[in-house]
Amino acid sequence: MKFKYSPRGVCSQVIELDMEGNIIKNVKFYGGCNGNLKGIGSLVQGMKAEEVIKRCEGICCGMKSTSCPDQLAKALQQYLASNHE
């Protein structure tokens, strides 16, 4: 299932998730630090959403109170809330 999320407070503009239940099949970030975000997408591929949330939630970027990994955690939380309740 495809799921799109609009991150806030970071350089990336859209996070697109391709999910199979709670398993991440693919993550694509639009905007932001291209290489780093491709790396994050590759690292989380095949992982359970809950594990990625646990690892990425609360990560900050410089002086910002959030980061692209933190926003990925928020996207996954929103996906789980809208598809598992």
N, C-alpha and C. Protein backbone atom coordinates (compact mmCIF):
# COMPACT_ATOMS: atom_id res chain seq x y z
N MET A 1 0.84 -1.17 0.00
CA MET A 1 0.00 0.00 0.00
C MET A 1 0.89 1.24 0.00
N LYS A 2 0.58 2.16 -0.86
CA LYS A 2 1.30 3.44 -0.93
C LYS A 2 0.71 4.40 0.10
N PHE A 3 1.61 5.17 0.71
CA PHE A 3 1.20 6.16 1.70
C PHE A 3 2.11 7.36 1.56
N LYS A 4 1.53 8.56 1.45
CA LYS A 4 2.32 9.78 1.33
C LYS A 4 2.16 10.62 2.59
N TYR A 5 3.27 11.24 2.99
CA TYR A 5 3.30 12.06 4.19
C TYR A 5 4.04 13.36 3.86
N SER A 6 3.52 14.47 4.34
CA SER A 6 4.16 15.78 4.15
C SER A 6 4.91 16.14 5.43
N PRO A 7 6.23 16.01 5.43
CA PRO A 7 7.01 16.32 6.63
C PRO A 7 7.00 17.80 6.96
N ARG A 8 7.25 18.11 8.23
CA ARG A 8 7.28 19.50 8.70
C ARG A 8 8.62 19.78 9.36
N GLY A 9 9.17 20.97 9.08
CA GLY A 9 10.37 21.42 9.75
C GLY A 9 11.68 20.85 9.22
N VAL A 10 11.62 20.21 8.04
CA VAL A 10 12.83 19.62 7.44
C VAL A 10 12.90 20.00 5.96
N CYS A 11 14.01 19.66 5.34
CA CYS A 11 14.22 20.01 3.93
C CYS A 11 13.39 19.14 2.98
N SER A 12 13.17 17.88 3.32
CA SER A 12 12.39 17.03 2.44
C SER A 12 10.94 17.51 2.41
N GLN A 13 10.30 17.34 1.26
CA GLN A 13 8.95 17.87 1.06
C GLN A 13 7.87 16.79 1.11
N VAL A 14 8.24 15.57 0.74
CA VAL A 14 7.29 14.44 0.73
C VAL A 14 8.05 13.18 1.11
N ILE A 15 7.41 12.34 1.92
CA ILE A 15 7.91 11.00 2.19
C ILE A 15 6.86 10.04 1.65
N GLU A 16 7.29 9.17 0.74
CA GLU A 16 6.39 8.20 0.14
C GLU A 16 6.76 6.81 0.65
N LEU A 17 5.81 6.15 1.28
CA LEU A 17 6.02 4.81 1.82
C LEU A 17 5.32 3.80 0.94
N ASP A 18 5.95 2.66 0.74
CA ASP A 18 5.31 1.51 0.12
C ASP A 18 5.34 0.42 1.18
N MET A 19 4.18 0.11 1.72
CA MET A 19 4.08 -0.78 2.88
C MET A 19 3.33 -2.05 2.52
N GLU A 20 3.69 -3.11 3.22
CA GLU A 20 2.95 -4.37 3.16
C GLU A 20 2.64 -4.74 4.61
N GLY A 21 1.45 -4.36 5.05
CA GLY A 21 1.13 -4.50 6.47
C GLY A 21 1.98 -3.52 7.26
N ASN A 22 2.77 -4.04 8.22
CA ASN A 22 3.65 -3.15 8.98
C ASN A 22 5.11 -3.27 8.52
N ILE A 23 5.34 -3.90 7.38
CA ILE A 23 6.68 -4.07 6.81
C ILE A 23 6.92 -3.00 5.73
N ILE A 24 8.08 -2.35 5.83
CA ILE A 24 8.44 -1.31 4.86
C ILE A 24 9.04 -1.97 3.63
N LYS A 25 8.40 -1.78 2.51
CA LYS A 25 8.91 -2.31 1.24
C LYS A 25 9.82 -1.30 0.55
N ASN A 26 9.47 -0.02 0.66
CA ASN A 26 10.27 1.03 0.02
C ASN A 26 9.93 2.38 0.67
N VAL A 27 10.94 3.23 0.77
CA VAL A 27 10.75 4.60 1.26
C VAL A 27 11.43 5.51 0.26
N LYS A 28 10.73 6.56 -0.14
CA LYS A 28 11.29 7.55 -1.05
C LYS A 28 11.06 8.93 -0.47
N PHE A 29 12.14 9.70 -0.34
CA PHE A 29 12.06 11.08 0.12
C PHE A 29 12.17 11.98 -1.09
N TYR A 30 11.38 13.03 -1.15
CA TYR A 30 11.47 14.04 -2.21
C TYR A 30 11.98 15.32 -1.57
N GLY A 31 13.11 15.81 -2.07
CA GLY A 31 13.77 16.96 -1.48
C GLY A 31 14.72 16.50 -0.38
N GLY A 32 15.49 17.40 0.15
CA GLY A 32 16.40 17.05 1.23
C GLY A 32 17.75 16.57 0.73
N CYS A 33 18.52 15.97 1.60
CA CYS A 33 19.89 15.49 1.31
C CYS A 33 19.81 14.15 0.57
N ASN A 34 19.89 14.19 -0.72
CA ASN A 34 19.64 13.05 -1.59
C ASN A 34 20.35 11.77 -1.16
N GLY A 35 21.65 11.82 -1.00
CA GLY A 35 22.40 10.61 -0.66
C GLY A 35 22.03 10.05 0.70
N ASN A 36 21.95 10.91 1.69
CA ASN A 36 21.59 10.46 3.04
C ASN A 36 20.20 9.85 3.07
N LEU A 37 19.26 10.46 2.36
CA LEU A 37 17.89 9.97 2.40
C LEU A 37 17.73 8.68 1.61
N LYS A 38 18.50 8.52 0.53
CA LYS A 38 18.51 7.22 -0.17
C LYS A 38 19.07 6.15 0.76
N GLY A 39 20.11 6.51 1.53
CA GLY A 39 20.69 5.56 2.48
C GLY A 39 19.71 5.15 3.55
N ILE A 40 18.98 6.10 4.11
CA ILE A 40 17.96 5.79 5.12
C ILE A 40 16.92 4.86 4.53
N GLY A 41 16.45 5.19 3.33
CA GLY A 41 15.45 4.36 2.66
C GLY A 41 15.93 2.94 2.47
N SER A 42 17.17 2.79 2.08
CA SER A 42 17.75 1.46 1.87
C SER A 42 17.90 0.69 3.18
N LEU A 43 18.32 1.39 4.23
CA LEU A 43 18.53 0.74 5.53
C LEU A 43 17.23 0.24 6.16
N VAL A 44 16.14 0.95 5.97
CA VAL A 44 14.89 0.55 6.63
C VAL A 44 14.06 -0.42 5.79
N GLN A 45 14.46 -0.65 4.56
CA GLN A 45 13.72 -1.56 3.68
C GLN A 45 13.66 -2.95 4.32
N GLY A 46 12.47 -3.52 4.41
CA GLY A 46 12.27 -4.85 4.98
C GLY A 46 12.07 -4.85 6.48
N MET A 47 12.21 -3.70 7.13
CA MET A 47 12.05 -3.61 8.58
C MET A 47 10.58 -3.41 8.96
N LYS A 48 10.26 -3.77 10.20
CA LYS A 48 8.93 -3.47 10.74
C LYS A 48 8.87 -1.99 11.07
N ALA A 49 7.73 -1.40 10.80
CA ALA A 49 7.53 0.03 11.06
C ALA A 49 7.82 0.37 12.52
N GLU A 50 7.40 -0.46 13.43
CA GLU A 50 7.58 -0.20 14.86
C GLU A 50 9.07 -0.09 15.24
N GLU A 51 9.90 -0.91 14.62
CA GLU A 51 11.34 -0.87 14.90
C GLU A 51 11.97 0.41 14.38
N VAL A 52 11.55 0.84 13.19
CA VAL A 52 12.08 2.09 12.63
C VAL A 52 11.64 3.28 13.49
N ILE A 53 10.39 3.26 13.93
CA ILE A 53 9.90 4.33 14.81
C ILE A 53 10.76 4.39 16.07
N LYS A 54 11.00 3.23 16.68
CA LYS A 54 11.79 3.16 17.91
C LYS A 54 13.20 3.73 17.70
N ARG A 55 13.80 3.46 16.55
CA ARG A 55 15.18 3.89 16.29
C ARG A 55 15.28 5.35 15.84
N CYS A 56 14.28 5.86 15.15
CA CYS A 56 14.38 7.18 14.50
C CYS A 56 13.66 8.30 15.23
N GLU A 57 12.67 7.98 16.03
CA GLU A 57 11.89 9.01 16.71
C GLU A 57 12.77 9.85 17.63
N GLY A 58 12.63 11.16 17.51
CA GLY A 58 13.34 12.08 18.39
C GLY A 58 14.71 12.53 17.89
N ILE A 59 15.16 12.03 16.75
CA ILE A 59 16.45 12.47 16.21
C ILE A 59 16.30 13.91 15.72
N CYS A 60 17.27 14.76 16.07
CA CYS A 60 17.26 16.17 15.65
C CYS A 60 18.30 16.39 14.56
N CYS A 61 18.11 17.44 13.79
CA CYS A 61 19.04 17.84 12.73
C CYS A 61 19.55 19.23 13.07
N GLY A 62 20.81 19.31 13.50
CA GLY A 62 21.38 20.61 13.87
C GLY A 62 20.57 21.24 14.99
N MET A 63 20.16 22.48 14.78
CA MET A 63 19.38 23.21 15.78
C MET A 63 17.87 22.96 15.67
N LYS A 64 17.47 22.18 14.67
CA LYS A 64 16.04 21.88 14.49
C LYS A 64 15.58 20.87 15.54
N SER A 65 14.32 20.93 15.88
CA SER A 65 13.77 19.99 16.86
C SER A 65 13.33 18.68 16.22
N THR A 66 13.56 18.54 14.93
CA THR A 66 13.19 17.33 14.20
C THR A 66 14.25 17.05 13.14
N SER A 67 14.05 16.00 12.37
CA SER A 67 14.96 15.61 11.30
C SER A 67 14.18 14.75 10.31
N CYS A 68 14.79 14.42 9.20
CA CYS A 68 14.12 13.53 8.24
C CYS A 68 13.86 12.14 8.85
N PRO A 69 14.81 11.56 9.62
CA PRO A 69 14.48 10.29 10.27
C PRO A 69 13.32 10.42 11.26
N ASP A 70 13.28 11.51 12.02
CA ASP A 70 12.18 11.74 12.96
C ASP A 70 10.87 11.89 12.19
N GLN A 71 10.89 12.58 11.07
CA GLN A 71 9.69 12.73 10.26
C GLN A 71 9.26 11.40 9.64
N LEU A 72 10.23 10.54 9.31
CA LEU A 72 9.90 9.20 8.84
C LEU A 72 9.17 8.44 9.94
N ALA A 73 9.64 8.56 11.17
CA ALA A 73 8.95 7.92 12.30
C ALA A 73 7.51 8.44 12.42
N LYS A 74 7.33 9.74 12.25
CA LYS A 74 5.98 10.32 12.31
C LYS A 74 5.10 9.81 11.17
N ALA A 75 5.69 9.69 9.97
CA ALA A 75 4.95 9.16 8.82
C ALA A 75 4.50 7.73 9.10
N LEU A 76 5.39 6.93 9.66
CA LEU A 76 5.05 5.53 9.96
C LEU A 76 3.99 5.45 11.06
N GLN A 77 4.08 6.32 12.06
CA GLN A 77 3.05 6.35 13.11
C GLN A 77 1.69 6.69 12.52
N GLN A 78 1.67 7.67 11.61
CA GLN A 78 0.40 8.06 10.97
C GLN A 78 -0.13 6.92 10.12
N TYR A 79 0.76 6.26 9.39
CA TYR A 79 0.35 5.12 8.56
C TYR A 79 -0.28 4.03 9.44
N LEU A 80 0.42 3.67 10.51
CA LEU A 80 -0.08 2.62 11.39
C LEU A 80 -1.42 2.99 12.01
N ALA A 81 -1.56 4.25 12.43
CA ALA A 81 -2.81 4.70 13.04
C ALA A 81 -3.97 4.65 12.05
N SER A 82 -3.70 4.98 10.80
CA SER A 82 -4.78 5.02 9.81
C SER A 82 -5.08 3.67 9.18
N ASN A 83 -4.20 2.69 9.34
CA ASN A 83 -4.38 1.41 8.67
C ASN A 83 -4.47 0.21 9.60
N HIS A 84 -4.34 0.41 10.89
CA HIS A 84 -4.35 -0.72 11.81
C HIS A 84 -5.31 -0.53 12.96
N GLU A 85 -6.21 0.43 12.85
CA GLU A 85 -7.17 0.62 13.95
C GLU A 85 -8.58 0.53 13.43
